[in-house]
Amino acid sequence: MLPATQKRVNETRTFEAPNQDILLKTIITTLQDQGFNIVKVNLDSSEVTAQQNSNIILSVMTYPIDRNKFAVRVNGQIYNNFSASSTGYENIVDPVFYQKNFFEPLSRSLFLQNQPF
């Protein structure tokens, strides 16, 4: 099991965006592009929850660091029939999963959004 600090490092990246609303909209679009259905959006806490194929749940939170710089933290759970948990969901701890399935697509979306057409 990973220490909490290492888990937080694996789940968090810093992004630049014009403001937090645009960042949240880009997160929602990125999740949808990755095949996730948006389950809940809480603008007050800057949190988005999404589900993919009833077996993966991601929760994404953002918080400001600077004027146009934001920390984005994502944590996920995957359904496992053989899980010891009563819900059958286990935390996703693989940093490659987060990088490949969320952070890289989000980075591309933010980059493309800032390109003139």
PDB file of N, CA and C in Angstrom:
ATOM      1  N   MET A   1       0.831  -1.181   0.000  1.00  0.00           N
ATOM      2  CA  MET A   1       0.000   0.000   0.000  1.00  0.00           C
ATOM      3  C   MET A   1       0.879   1.249   0.000  1.00  0.00           C
ATOM      4  N   LEU A   2       0.517   2.227  -0.836  1.00  0.00           N
ATOM      5  CA  LEU A   2       1.295   3.453  -0.944  1.00  0.00           C
ATOM      6  C   LEU A   2       1.045   4.381   0.233  1.00  0.00           C
ATOM      7  N   PRO A   3       2.087   5.087   0.663  1.00  0.00           N
ATOM      8  CA  PRO A   3       1.863   6.116   1.678  1.00  0.00           C
ATOM      9  C   PRO A   3       0.956   7.219   1.096  1.00  0.00           C
ATOM     10  N   ALA A   4       0.221   7.879   1.957  1.00  0.00           N
ATOM     11  CA  ALA A   4      -0.734   8.909   1.511  1.00  0.00           C
ATOM     12  C   ALA A   4      -0.051  10.015   0.708  1.00  0.00           C
ATOM     13  N   THR A   5       1.147  10.407   1.097  1.00  0.00           N
ATOM     14  CA  THR A   5       1.822  11.488   0.365  1.00  0.00           C
ATOM     15  C   THR A   5       2.179  11.060  -1.057  1.00  0.00           C
ATOM     16  N   GLN A   6       2.618   9.827  -1.243  1.00  0.00           N
ATOM     17  CA  GLN A   6       2.944   9.341  -2.587  1.00  0.00           C
ATOM     18  C   GLN A   6       1.685   9.220  -3.427  1.00  0.00           C
ATOM     19  N   LYS A   7       0.603   8.771  -2.826  1.00  0.00           N
ATOM     20  CA  LYS A   7      -0.676   8.657  -3.529  1.00  0.00           C
ATOM     21  C   LYS A   7      -1.120  10.024  -4.023  1.00  0.00           C
ATOM     22  N   ARG A   8      -0.985  11.044  -3.172  1.00  0.00           N
ATOM     23  CA  ARG A   8      -1.365  12.405  -3.539  1.00  0.00           C
ATOM     24  C   ARG A   8      -0.510  12.922  -4.701  1.00  0.00           C
ATOM     25  N   VAL A   9       0.775  12.616  -4.678  1.00  0.00           N
ATOM     26  CA  VAL A   9       1.671  13.024  -5.766  1.00  0.00           C
ATOM     27  C   VAL A   9       1.244  12.368  -7.079  1.00  0.00           C
ATOM     28  N   ASN A  10       0.891  11.089  -7.035  1.00  0.00           N
ATOM     29  CA  ASN A  10       0.471  10.359  -8.233  1.00  0.00           C
ATOM     30  C   ASN A  10      -0.832  10.901  -8.807  1.00  0.00           C
ATOM     31  N   GLU A  11      -1.683  11.444  -7.945  1.00  0.00           N
ATOM     32  CA  GLU A  11      -3.023  11.863  -8.353  1.00  0.00           C
ATOM     33  C   GLU A  11      -3.145  13.353  -8.661  1.00  0.00           C
ATOM     34  N   THR A  12      -2.084  14.129  -8.505  1.00  0.00           N
ATOM     35  CA  THR A  12      -2.186  15.579  -8.631  1.00  0.00           C
ATOM     36  C   THR A  12      -1.205  16.131  -9.661  1.00  0.00           C
ATOM     37  N   ARG A  13      -1.689  17.050 -10.468  1.00  0.00           N
ATOM     38  CA  ARG A  13      -0.859  17.781 -11.432  1.00  0.00           C
ATOM     39  C   ARG A  13      -1.270  19.252 -11.396  1.00  0.00           C
ATOM     40  N   THR A  14      -0.396  20.106 -11.875  1.00  0.00           N
ATOM     41  CA  THR A  14      -0.662  21.541 -11.942  1.00  0.00           C
ATOM     42  C   THR A  14      -0.895  21.936 -13.399  1.00  0.00           C
ATOM     43  N   PHE A  15      -1.925  22.749 -13.617  1.00  0.00           N
ATOM     44  CA  PHE A  15      -2.264  23.204 -14.964  1.00  0.00           C
ATOM     45  C   PHE A  15      -2.509  24.702 -14.955  1.00  0.00           C
ATOM     46  N   GLU A  16      -2.227  25.315 -16.101  1.00  0.00           N
ATOM     47  CA  GLU A  16      -2.572  26.720 -16.287  1.00  0.00           C
ATOM     48  C   GLU A  16      -3.866  26.790 -17.079  1.00  0.00           C
ATOM     49  N   ALA A  17      -4.728  27.710 -16.655  1.00  0.00           N
ATOM     50  CA  ALA A  17      -6.008  27.925 -17.331  1.00  0.00           C
ATOM     51  C   ALA A  17      -6.418  29.371 -17.069  1.00  0.00           C
ATOM     52  N   PRO A  18      -7.231  29.948 -17.977  1.00  0.00           N
ATOM     53  CA  PRO A  18      -7.662  31.334 -17.774  1.00  0.00           C
ATOM     54  C   PRO A  18      -8.397  31.543 -16.447  1.00  0.00           C
ATOM     55  N   ASN A  19      -9.200  30.561 -16.052  1.00  0.00           N
ATOM     56  CA  ASN A  19      -9.893  30.622 -14.764  1.00  0.00           C
ATOM     57  C   ASN A  19     -10.398  29.225 -14.412  1.00  0.00           C
ATOM     58  N   GLN A  20     -10.922  29.095 -13.204  1.00  0.00           N
ATOM     59  CA  GLN A  20     -11.330  27.773 -12.717  1.00  0.00           C
ATOM     60  C   GLN A  20     -12.567  27.248 -13.442  1.00  0.00           C
ATOM     61  N   ASP A  21     -13.468  28.139 -13.849  1.00  0.00           N
ATOM     62  CA  ASP A  21     -14.658  27.691 -14.585  1.00  0.00           C
ATOM     63  C   ASP A  21     -14.283  27.046 -15.915  1.00  0.00           C
ATOM     64  N   ILE A  22     -13.373  27.674 -16.630  1.00  0.00           N
ATOM     65  CA  ILE A  22     -12.921  27.106 -17.905  1.00  0.00           C
ATOM     66  C   ILE A  22     -12.215  25.777 -17.665  1.00  0.00           C
ATOM     67  N   LEU A  23     -11.418  25.711 -16.613  1.00  0.00           N
ATOM     68  CA  LEU A  23     -10.745  24.457 -16.290  1.00  0.00           C
ATOM     69  C   LEU A  23     -11.767  23.355 -16.003  1.00  0.00           C
ATOM     70  N   LEU A  24     -12.797  23.654 -15.216  1.00  0.00           N
ATOM     71  CA  LEU A  24     -13.826  22.654 -14.916  1.00  0.00           C
ATOM     72  C   LEU A  24     -14.557  22.200 -16.177  1.00  0.00           C
ATOM     73  N   LYS A  25     -14.886  23.133 -17.054  1.00  0.00           N
ATOM     74  CA  LYS A  25     -15.552  22.770 -18.313  1.00  0.00           C
ATOM     75  C   LYS A  25     -14.638  21.877 -19.156  1.00  0.00           C
ATOM     76  N   THR A  26     -13.349  22.179 -19.159  1.00  0.00           N
ATOM     77  CA  THR A  26     -12.396  21.366 -19.919  1.00  0.00           C
ATOM     78  C   THR A  26     -12.254  19.978 -19.292  1.00  0.00           C
ATOM     79  N   ILE A  27     -12.278  19.887 -17.980  1.00  0.00           N
ATOM     80  CA  ILE A  27     -12.231  18.588 -17.299  1.00  0.00           C
ATOM     81  C   ILE A  27     -13.447  17.759 -17.687  1.00  0.00           C
ATOM     82  N   ILE A  28     -14.626  18.374 -17.676  1.00  0.00           N
ATOM     83  CA  ILE A  28     -15.853  17.656 -18.038  1.00  0.00           C
ATOM     84  C   ILE A  28     -15.773  17.153 -19.475  1.00  0.00           C
ATOM     85  N   THR A  29     -15.344  18.005 -20.381  1.00  0.00           N
ATOM     86  CA  THR A  29     -15.224  17.623 -21.790  1.00  0.00           C
ATOM     87  C   THR A  29     -14.201  16.496 -21.958  1.00  0.00           C
ATOM     88  N   THR A  30     -13.087  16.603 -21.253  1.00  0.00           N
ATOM     89  CA  THR A  30     -12.045  15.574 -21.336  1.00  0.00           C
ATOM     90  C   THR A  30     -12.570  14.229 -20.848  1.00  0.00           C
ATOM     91  N   LEU A  31     -13.268  14.241 -19.724  1.00  0.00           N
ATOM     92  CA  LEU A  31     -13.835  12.988 -19.201  1.00  0.00           C
ATOM     93  C   LEU A  31     -14.826  12.382 -20.192  1.00  0.00           C
ATOM     94  N   GLN A  32     -15.674  13.214 -20.778  1.00  0.00           N
ATOM     95  CA  GLN A  32     -16.636  12.714 -21.766  1.00  0.00           C
ATOM     96  C   GLN A  32     -15.921  12.161 -22.991  1.00  0.00           C
ATOM     97  N   ASP A  33     -14.873  12.839 -23.446  1.00  0.00           N
ATOM     98  CA  ASP A  33     -14.092  12.350 -24.587  1.00  0.00           C
ATOM     99  C   ASP A  33     -13.427  11.008 -24.288  1.00  0.00           C
ATOM    100  N   GLN A  34     -13.143  10.740 -23.022  1.00  0.00           N
ATOM    101  CA  GLN A  34     -12.523   9.480 -22.604  1.00  0.00           C
ATOM    102  C   GLN A  34     -13.567   8.394 -22.336  1.00  0.00           C
ATOM    103  N   GLY A  35     -14.838   8.685 -22.603  1.00  0.00           N
ATOM    104  CA  GLY A  35     -15.889   7.679 -22.458  1.00  0.00           C
ATOM    105  C   GLY A  35     -16.558   7.646 -21.100  1.00  0.00           C
ATOM    106  N   PHE A  36     -16.349   8.685 -20.309  1.00  0.00           N
ATOM    107  CA  PHE A  36     -16.978   8.744 -18.990  1.00  0.00           C
ATOM    108  C   PHE A  36     -18.301   9.490 -19.072  1.00  0.00           C
ATOM    109  N   ASN A  37     -19.248   9.079 -18.237  1.00  0.00           N
ATOM    110  CA  ASN A  37     -20.509   9.794 -18.071  1.00  0.00           C
ATOM    111  C   ASN A  37     -20.382  10.647 -16.818  1.00  0.00           C
ATOM    112  N   ILE A  38     -20.780  11.893 -16.920  1.00  0.00           N
ATOM    113  CA  ILE A  38     -20.706  12.791 -15.776  1.00  0.00           C
ATOM    114  C   ILE A  38     -21.849  12.444 -14.820  1.00  0.00           C
ATOM    115  N   VAL A  39     -21.506  12.154 -13.581  1.00  0.00           N
ATOM    116  CA  VAL A  39     -22.482  11.757 -12.574  1.00  0.00           C
ATOM    117  C   VAL A  39     -22.871  12.950 -11.706  1.00  0.00           C
ATOM    118  N   LYS A  40     -21.879  13.773 -11.357  1.00  0.00           N
ATOM    119  CA  LYS A  40     -22.140  14.900 -10.464  1.00  0.00           C
ATOM    120  C   LYS A  40     -21.137  16.007 -10.726  1.00  0.00           C
ATOM    121  N   VAL A  41     -21.620  17.240 -10.687  1.00  0.00           N
ATOM    122  CA  VAL A  41     -20.756  18.411 -10.768  1.00  0.00           C
ATOM    123  C   VAL A  41     -21.133  19.319  -9.608  1.00  0.00           C
ATOM    124  N   ASN A  42     -20.158  19.684  -8.800  1.00  0.00           N
ATOM    125  CA  ASN A  42     -20.373  20.608  -7.701  1.00  0.00           C
ATOM    126  C   ASN A  42     -19.478  21.819  -7.936  1.00  0.00           C
ATOM    127  N   LEU A  43     -20.071  22.900  -8.422  1.00  0.00           N
ATOM    128  CA  LEU A  43     -19.298  24.094  -8.728  1.00  0.00           C
ATOM    129  C   LEU A  43     -18.750  24.755  -7.472  1.00  0.00           C
ATOM    130  N   ASP A  44     -19.472  24.646  -6.349  1.00  0.00           N
ATOM    131  CA  ASP A  44     -19.013  25.260  -5.102  1.00  0.00           C
ATOM    132  C   ASP A  44     -17.696  24.663  -4.617  1.00  0.00           C
ATOM    133  N   SER A  45     -17.547  23.363  -4.755  1.00  0.00           N
ATOM    134  CA  SER A  45     -16.315  22.707  -4.310  1.00  0.00           C
ATOM    135  C   SER A  45     -15.380  22.363  -5.471  1.00  0.00           C
ATOM    136  N   SER A  46     -15.757  22.772  -6.695  1.00  0.00           N
ATOM    137  CA  SER A  46     -14.952  22.506  -7.899  1.00  0.00           C
ATOM    138  C   SER A  46     -14.648  21.018  -8.046  1.00  0.00           C
ATOM    139  N   GLU A  47     -15.691  20.215  -7.943  1.00  0.00           N
ATOM    140  CA  GLU A  47     -15.541  18.763  -8.006  1.00  0.00           C
ATOM    141  C   GLU A  47     -16.429  18.171  -9.090  1.00  0.00           C
ATOM    142  N   VAL A  48     -15.873  17.202  -9.818  1.00  0.00           N
ATOM    143  CA  VAL A  48     -16.603  16.480 -10.857  1.00  0.00           C
ATOM    144  C   VAL A  48     -16.449  14.990 -10.579  1.00  0.00           C
ATOM    145  N   THR A  49     -17.559  14.262 -10.649  1.00  0.00           N
ATOM    146  CA  THR A  49     -17.520  12.812 -10.509  1.00  0.00           C
ATOM    147  C   THR A  49     -18.045  12.206 -11.807  1.00  0.00           C
ATOM    148  N   ALA A  50     -17.326  11.199 -12.303  1.00  0.00           N
ATOM    149  CA  ALA A  50     -17.699  10.571 -13.576  1.00  0.00           C
ATOM    150  C   ALA A  50     -17.538   9.061 -13.459  1.00  0.00           C
ATOM    151  N   GLN A  51     -18.311   8.356 -14.301  1.00  0.00           N
ATOM    152  CA  GLN A  51     -18.284   6.891 -14.276  1.00  0.00           C
ATOM    153  C   GLN A  51     -18.149   6.371 -15.704  1.00  0.00           C
ATOM    154  N   GLN A  52     -17.402   5.284 -15.840  1.00  0.00           N
ATOM    155  CA  GLN A  52     -17.203   4.656 -17.151  1.00  0.00           C
ATOM    156  C   GLN A  52     -17.593   3.187 -17.056  1.00  0.00           C
ATOM    157  N   ASN A  53     -18.537   2.782 -17.900  1.00  0.00           N
ATOM    158  CA  ASN A  53     -18.947   1.373 -18.001  1.00  0.00           C
ATOM    159  C   ASN A  53     -19.308   0.736 -16.664  1.00  0.00           C
ATOM    160  N   SER A  54     -19.827   1.493 -15.756  1.00  0.00           N
ATOM    161  CA  SER A  54     -20.242   0.994 -14.432  1.00  0.00           C
ATOM    162  C   SER A  54     -19.120   0.352 -13.639  1.00  0.00           C
ATOM    163  N   ASN A  55     -17.876   0.455 -14.107  1.00  0.00           N
ATOM    164  CA  ASN A  55     -16.825  -0.191 -13.330  1.00  0.00           C
ATOM    165  C   ASN A  55     -15.674   0.732 -12.917  1.00  0.00           C
ATOM    166  N   ILE A  56     -15.616   1.951 -13.436  1.00  0.00           N
ATOM    167  CA  ILE A  56     -14.584   2.898 -13.016  1.00  0.00           C
ATOM    168  C   ILE A  56     -15.272   4.198 -12.623  1.00  0.00           C
ATOM    169  N   ILE A  57     -14.919   4.700 -11.463  1.00  0.00           N
ATOM    170  CA  ILE A  57     -15.426   5.986 -10.993  1.00  0.00           C
ATOM    171  C   ILE A  57     -14.234   6.897 -10.743  1.00  0.00           C
ATOM    172  N   LEU A  58     -14.278   8.099 -11.319  1.00  0.00           N
ATOM    173  CA  LEU A  58     -13.244   9.097 -11.075  1.00  0.00           C
ATOM    174  C   LEU A  58     -13.854  10.311 -10.399  1.00  0.00           C
ATOM    175  N   SER A  59     -13.159  10.826  -9.410  1.00  0.00           N
ATOM    176  CA  SER A  59     -13.520  12.089  -8.783  1.00  0.00           C
ATOM    177  C   SER A  59     -12.377  13.056  -9.025  1.00  0.00           C
ATOM    178  N   VAL A  60     -12.715  14.233  -9.541  1.00  0.00           N
ATOM    179  CA  VAL A  60     -11.712  15.233  -9.883  1.00  0.00           C
ATOM    180  C   VAL A  60     -12.016  16.507  -9.115  1.00  0.00           C
ATOM    181  N   MET A  61     -10.995  17.047  -8.457  1.00  0.00           N
ATOM    182  CA  MET A  61     -11.138  18.307  -7.742  1.00  0.00           C
ATOM    183  C   MET A  61     -10.060  19.270  -8.214  1.00  0.00           C
ATOM    184  N   THR A  62     -10.416  20.548  -8.235  1.00  0.00           N
ATOM    185  CA  THR A  62      -9.441  21.564  -8.593  1.00  0.00           C
ATOM    186  C   THR A  62      -9.384  22.612  -7.484  1.00  0.00           C
ATOM    187  N   TYR A  63      -8.228  23.199  -7.346  1.00  0.00           N
ATOM    188  CA  TYR A  63      -8.109  24.316  -6.420  1.00  0.00           C
ATOM    189  C   TYR A  63      -7.008  25.253  -6.915  1.00  0.00           C
ATOM    190  N   PRO A  64      -7.224  26.557  -6.717  1.00  0.00           N
ATOM    191  CA  PRO A  64      -6.263  27.537  -7.228  1.00  0.00           C
ATOM    192  C   PRO A  64      -4.956  27.512  -6.450  1.00  0.00           C
ATOM    193  N   ILE A  65      -3.879  27.728  -7.204  1.00  0.00           N
ATOM    194  CA  ILE A  65      -2.553  27.873  -6.605  1.00  0.00           C
ATOM    195  C   ILE A  65      -2.104  29.321  -6.774  1.00  0.00           C
ATOM    196  N   ASP A  66      -2.372  29.832  -7.951  1.00  0.00           N
ATOM    197  CA  ASP A  66      -1.997  31.190  -8.329  1.00  0.00           C
ATOM    198  C   ASP A  66      -3.109  31.748  -9.203  1.00  0.00           C
ATOM    199  N   ARG A  67      -2.889  32.910  -9.785  1.00  0.00           N
ATOM    200  CA  ARG A  67      -3.930  33.560 -10.584  1.00  0.00           C
ATOM    201  C   ARG A  67      -4.457  32.668 -11.706  1.00  0.00           C
ATOM    202  N   ASN A  68      -3.578  32.101 -12.492  1.00  0.00           N
ATOM    203  CA  ASN A  68      -3.975  31.241 -13.609  1.00  0.00           C
ATOM    204  C   ASN A  68      -3.382  29.841 -13.495  1.00  0.00           C
ATOM    205  N   LYS A  69      -3.056  29.435 -12.298  1.00  0.00           N
ATOM    206  CA  LYS A  69      -2.457  28.116 -12.068  1.00  0.00           C
ATOM    207  C   LYS A  69      -3.316  27.372 -11.055  1.00  0.00           C
ATOM    208  N   PHE A  70      -3.617  26.107 -11.404  1.00  0.00           N
ATOM    209  CA  PHE A  70      -4.520  25.309 -10.583  1.00  0.00           C
ATOM    210  C   PHE A  70      -3.953  23.918 -10.368  1.00  0.00           C
ATOM    211  N   ALA A  71      -4.204  23.374  -9.195  1.00  0.00           N
ATOM    212  CA  ALA A  71      -3.894  21.970  -8.928  1.00  0.00           C
ATOM    213  C   ALA A  71      -5.138  21.168  -9.293  1.00  0.00           C
ATOM    214  N   VAL A  72      -4.926  20.056  -9.969  1.00  0.00           N
ATOM    215  CA  VAL A  72      -6.010  19.150 -10.332  1.00  0.00           C
ATOM    216  C   VAL A  72      -5.670  17.802  -9.717  1.00  0.00           C
ATOM    217  N   ARG A  73      -6.577  17.319  -8.886  1.00  0.00           N
ATOM    218  CA  ARG A  73      -6.373  16.013  -8.255  1.00  0.00           C
ATOM    219  C   ARG A  73      -7.492  15.077  -8.689  1.00  0.00           C
ATOM    220  N   VAL A  74      -7.112  13.909  -9.127  1.00  0.00           N
ATOM    221  CA  VAL A  74      -8.077  12.895  -9.546  1.00  0.00           C
ATOM    222  C   VAL A  74      -7.822  11.633  -8.728  1.00  0.00           C
ATOM    223  N   ASN A  75      -8.882  11.016  -8.278  1.00  0.00           N
ATOM    224  CA  ASN A  75      -8.714   9.692  -7.686  1.00  0.00           C
ATOM    225  C   ASN A  75      -9.802   8.802  -8.252  1.00  0.00           C
ATOM    226  N   GLY A  76      -9.453   7.549  -8.373  1.00  0.00           N
ATOM    227  CA  GLY A  76     -10.362   6.619  -9.024  1.00  0.00           C
ATOM    228  C   GLY A  76     -10.545   5.336  -8.253  1.00  0.00           C
ATOM    229  N   GLN A  77     -11.645   4.703  -8.591  1.00  0.00           N
ATOM    230  CA  GLN A  77     -11.949   3.384  -8.049  1.00  0.00           C
ATOM    231  C   GLN A  77     -12.403   2.502  -9.200  1.00  0.00           C
ATOM    232  N   ILE A  78     -12.040   1.244  -9.101  1.00  0.00           N
ATOM    233  CA  ILE A  78     -12.438   0.282 -10.125  1.00  0.00           C
ATOM    234  C   ILE A  78     -13.188  -0.863  -9.450  1.00  0.00           C
ATOM    235  N   TYR A  79     -14.230  -1.317 -10.123  1.00  0.00           N
ATOM    236  CA  TYR A  79     -15.042  -2.405  -9.568  1.00  0.00           C
ATOM    237  C   TYR A  79     -14.308  -3.724  -9.746  1.00  0.00           C
ATOM    238  N   ASN A  80     -14.292  -4.515  -8.686  1.00  0.00           N
ATOM    239  CA  ASN A  80     -13.651  -5.824  -8.706  1.00  0.00           C
ATOM    240  C   ASN A  80     -14.558  -6.788  -7.940  1.00  0.00           C
ATOM    241  N   ASN A  81     -15.123  -7.759  -8.640  1.00  0.00           N
ATOM    242  CA  ASN A  81     -16.021  -8.731  -8.004  1.00  0.00           C
ATOM    243  C   ASN A  81     -15.390  -9.426  -6.801  1.00  0.00           C
ATOM    244  N   PHE A  82     -14.081  -9.535  -6.822  1.00  0.00           N
ATOM    245  CA  PHE A  82     -13.382 -10.286  -5.783  1.00  0.00           C
ATOM    246  C   PHE A  82     -12.792  -9.379  -4.707  1.00  0.00           C
ATOM    247  N   SER A  83     -13.204  -8.113  -4.702  1.00  0.00           N
ATOM    248  CA  SER A  83     -12.688  -7.155  -3.736  1.00  0.00           C
ATOM    249  C   SER A  83     -13.141  -7.511  -2.325  1.00  0.00           C
ATOM    250  N   ALA A  84     -12.279  -7.229  -1.386  1.00  0.00           N
ATOM    251  CA  ALA A  84     -12.631  -7.432   0.019  1.00  0.00           C
ATOM    252  C   ALA A  84     -13.562  -6.327   0.517  1.00  0.00           C
ATOM    253  N   SER A  85     -13.656  -5.251  -0.237  1.00  0.00           N
ATOM    254  CA  SER A  85     -14.525  -4.139   0.150  1.00  0.00           C
ATOM    255  C   SER A  85     -15.984  -4.527  -0.017  1.00  0.00           C
ATOM    256  N   SER A  86     -16.833  -3.976   0.829  1.00  0.00           N
ATOM    257  CA  SER A  86     -18.263  -4.312   0.766  1.00  0.00           C
ATOM    258  C   SER A  86     -18.917  -3.779  -0.506  1.00  0.00           C
ATOM    259  N   THR A  87     -18.335  -2.724  -1.099  1.00  0.00           N
ATOM    260  CA  THR A  87     -18.914  -2.176  -2.324  1.00  0.00           C
ATOM    261  C   THR A  87     -18.380  -2.867  -3.568  1.00  0.00           C
ATOM    262  N   GLY A  88     -17.262  -3.553  -3.431  1.00  0.00           N
ATOM    263  CA  GLY A  88     -16.635  -4.188  -4.579  1.00  0.00           C
ATOM    264  C   GLY A  88     -15.678  -3.259  -5.314  1.00  0.00           C
ATOM    265  N   TYR A  89     -15.560  -2.006  -4.866  1.00  0.00           N
ATOM    266  CA  TYR A  89     -14.658  -1.048  -5.515  1.00  0.00           C
ATOM    267  C   TYR A  89     -13.323  -0.990  -4.784  1.00  0.00           C
ATOM    268  N   GLU A  90     -12.255  -0.892  -5.570  1.00  0.00           N
ATOM    269  CA  GLU A  90     -10.903  -0.758  -5.024  1.00  0.00           C
ATOM    270  C   GLU A  90     -10.294   0.528  -5.559  1.00  0.00           C
ATOM    271  N   ASN A  91      -9.470   1.178  -4.748  1.00  0.00           N
ATOM    272  CA  ASN A  91      -8.794   2.395  -5.198  1.00  0.00           C
ATOM    273  C   ASN A  91      -7.795   2.070  -6.300  1.00  0.00           C
ATOM    274  N   ILE A  92      -7.723   2.944  -7.285  1.00  0.00           N
ATOM    275  CA  ILE A  92      -6.726   2.814  -8.350  1.00  0.00           C
ATOM    276  C   ILE A  92      -5.461   3.517  -7.862  1.00  0.00           C
ATOM    277  N   VAL A  93      -4.363   2.787  -7.794  1.00  0.00           N
ATOM    278  CA  VAL A  93      -3.114   3.351  -7.289  1.00  0.00           C
ATOM    279  C   VAL A  93      -2.036   3.485  -8.361  1.00  0.00           C
ATOM    280  N   ASP A  94      -2.286   2.987  -9.550  1.00  0.00           N
ATOM    281  CA  ASP A  94      -1.307   3.008 -10.635  1.00  0.00           C
ATOM    282  C   ASP A  94      -1.169   4.421 -11.209  1.00  0.00           C
ATOM    283  N   PRO A  95      -0.004   5.072 -11.040  1.00  0.00           N
ATOM    284  CA  PRO A  95       0.160   6.432 -11.560  1.00  0.00           C
ATOM    285  C   PRO A  95       0.066   6.498 -13.086  1.00  0.00           C
ATOM    286  N   VAL A  96       0.409   5.421 -13.768  1.00  0.00           N
ATOM    287  CA  VAL A  96       0.318   5.382 -15.229  1.00  0.00           C
ATOM    288  C   VAL A  96      -1.144   5.480 -15.669  1.00  0.00           C
ATOM    289  N   PHE A  97      -2.045   4.850 -14.929  1.00  0.00           N
ATOM    290  CA  PHE A  97      -3.474   4.951 -15.240  1.00  0.00           C
ATOM    291  C   PHE A  97      -3.911   6.409 -15.254  1.00  0.00           C
ATOM    292  N   TYR A  98      -3.574   7.148 -14.210  1.00  0.00           N
ATOM    293  CA  TYR A  98      -3.982   8.554 -14.120  1.00  0.00           C
ATOM    294  C   TYR A  98      -3.340   9.391 -15.224  1.00  0.00           C
ATOM    295  N   GLN A  99      -2.065   9.158 -15.469  1.00  0.00           N
ATOM    296  CA  GLN A  99      -1.367   9.933 -16.490  1.00  0.00           C
ATOM    297  C   GLN A  99      -1.959   9.686 -17.871  1.00  0.00           C
ATOM    298  N   LYS A 100      -2.122   8.420 -18.222  1.00  0.00           N
ATOM    299  CA  LYS A 100      -2.580   8.052 -19.568  1.00  0.00           C
ATOM    300  C   LYS A 100      -4.063   8.356 -19.795  1.00  0.00           C
ATOM    301  N   ASN A 101      -4.883   8.089 -18.794  1.00  0.00           N
ATOM    302  CA  ASN A 101      -6.329   8.179 -18.977  1.00  0.00           C
ATOM    303  C   ASN A 101      -6.946   9.503 -18.571  1.00  0.00           C
ATOM    304  N   PHE A 102      -6.169  10.368 -17.912  1.00  0.00           N
ATOM    305  CA  PHE A 102      -6.753  11.642 -17.526  1.00  0.00           C
ATOM    306  C   PHE A 102      -5.816  12.833 -17.745  1.00  0.00           C
ATOM    307  N   PHE A 103      -4.623  12.808 -17.158  1.00  0.00           N
ATOM    308  CA  PHE A 103      -3.773  13.992 -17.215  1.00  0.00           C
ATOM    309  C   PHE A 103      -3.287  14.334 -18.623  1.00  0.00           C
ATOM    310  N   GLU A 104      -2.865  13.340 -19.398  1.00  0.00           N
ATOM    311  CA  GLU A 104      -2.424  13.626 -20.768  1.00  0.00           C
ATOM    312  C   GLU A 104      -3.574  14.150 -21.629  1.00  0.00           C
ATOM    313  N   PRO A 105      -4.753  13.518 -21.623  1.00  0.00           N
ATOM    314  CA  PRO A 105      -5.870  14.074 -22.397  1.00  0.00           C
ATOM    315  C   PRO A 105      -6.277  15.477 -21.920  1.00  0.00           C
ATOM    316  N   LEU A 106      -6.256  15.722 -20.615  1.00  0.00           N
ATOM    317  CA  LEU A 106      -6.595  17.052 -20.108  1.00  0.00           C
ATOM    318  C   LEU A 106      -5.571  18.080 -20.580  1.00  0.00           C
ATOM    319  N   SER A 107      -4.319  17.728 -20.541  1.00  0.00           N
ATOM    320  CA  SER A 107      -3.259  18.628 -21.007  1.00  0.00           C
ATOM    321  C   SER A 107      -3.451  18.977 -22.481  1.00  0.00           C
ATOM    322  N   ARG A 108      -3.764  17.968 -23.306  1.00  0.00           N
ATOM    323  CA  ARG A 108      -4.005  18.216 -24.746  1.00  0.00           C
ATOM    324  C   ARG A 108      -5.219  19.119 -24.938  1.00  0.00           C
ATOM    325  N   SER A 109      -6.282  18.875 -24.176  1.00  0.00           N
ATOM    326  CA  SER A 109      -7.496  19.696 -24.304  1.00  0.00           C
ATOM    327  C   SER A 109      -7.219  21.144 -23.934  1.00  0.00           C
ATOM    328  N   LEU A 110      -6.483  21.371 -22.866  1.00  0.00           N
ATOM    329  CA  LEU A 110      -6.153  22.743 -22.465  1.00  0.00           C
ATOM    330  C   LEU A 110      -5.257  23.408 -23.489  1.00  0.00           C
ATOM    331  N   PHE A 111      -4.310  22.652 -24.054  1.00  0.00           N
ATOM    332  CA  PHE A 111      -3.431  23.193 -25.085  1.00  0.00           C
ATOM    333  C   PHE A 111      -4.234  23.600 -26.315  1.00  0.00           C
ATOM    334  N   LEU A 112      -5.101  22.708 -26.782  1.00  0.00           N
ATOM    335  CA  LEU A 112      -5.901  22.998 -27.972  1.00  0.00           C
ATOM    336  C   LEU A 112      -6.852  24.167 -27.747  1.00  0.00           C
ATOM    337  N   GLN A 113      -7.359  24.289 -26.556  1.00  0.00           N
ATOM    338  CA  GLN A 113      -8.275  25.371 -26.243  1.00  0.00           C
ATOM    339  C   GLN A 113      -7.591  26.735 -26.357  1.00  0.00           C
ATOM    340  N   ASN A 114      -6.294  26.781 -26.118  1.00  0.00           N
ATOM    341  CA  ASN A 114      -5.569  28.051 -26.170  1.00  0.00           C
ATOM    342  C   ASN A 114      -5.008  28.372 -27.553  1.00  0.00           C
ATOM    343  N   GLN A 115      -5.255  27.503 -28.515  1.00  0.00           N
ATOM    344  CA  GLN A 115      -4.757  27.740 -29.872  1.00  0.00           C
ATOM    345  C   GLN A 115      -5.729  28.605 -30.666  1.00  0.00           C
ATOM    346  N   PRO A 116      -5.212  29.606 -31.381  1.00  0.00           N
ATOM    347  CA  PRO A 116      -6.099  30.423 -32.219  1.00  0.00           C
ATOM    348  C   PRO A 116      -6.567  29.620 -33.423  1.00  0.00           C
ATOM    349  N   PHE A 117      -7.792  29.866 -33.844  1.00  0.00           N
ATOM    350  CA  PHE A 117      -8.334  29.161 -35.010  1.00  0.00           C
ATOM    351  C   PHE A 117      -8.439  30.080 -36.177  1.00  0.00           C
TER     352      PHE A 117
END
